[in-house]
């Protein structure tokens, strides 16, 4: 299956790229610059493409991102600390982000002759992000079947949509994903902050997967308090 992977440079999508390269025919990575708070993770996506020996396209969506206002990821809004299970994390939603990116990726896949677009949405995203839920991914694939009818047959590959981030770490380890060459932190400092939602989730995932976490966190213990009420999914 010729597959394009949407790769942000984060732990999830880089692990997915390594899994696709192992199990399918990885034909390229596609990343998006939508005016996010920092572009640091895109450098890690480029490293992933180079490591796996495939083309890497960065699509400039900054004009689109400029009208998707109100998110801590695109505007001058503080990134909250804490776990994704908290309502405060809703400020990190970028409206329709995945729908927009997937639409572009499906067009690119159809034009290049790929059979599938892979994205690393997972079960831990469902509470906050509506365009990461199974209902969305299923509906989106149906819509694209109509959009490309008679021109191309491209499927949506979401192997983690019903699984946890700890499962992704486990699978990534099996695929020898170099976790130190991935970037999750929303704040984009020299090191992972250890306090924002995606840092807490990252730290928690390694813990539940019982896999050594190579990440340097500015506050390595914050996640203990933030996840005190959590159990592995």
Foldseek 3Di string as FASTA:
>chain_A
DEEEEAFLLALQRLLVQLVCLVPHHDAEYEYEPQQFPDSVSVVLVVVSCVVSVHYYYYHYNPVVSVVQDQAPGHDVDDFAFFAPLDPVNLSNDRPCVVVVVVVVVLVVCLVVVGAEYEYAQACSCVVRYVCSAPVNQVVSQVVVCVVCPPRGHYGYHHPHSHHAVLVSVLSSVVSVRPNQSGDFASNPDPFRQCTGHRNLSVLVSCVLNVHDDPGDHPDNCNSCVRCVVPDHD
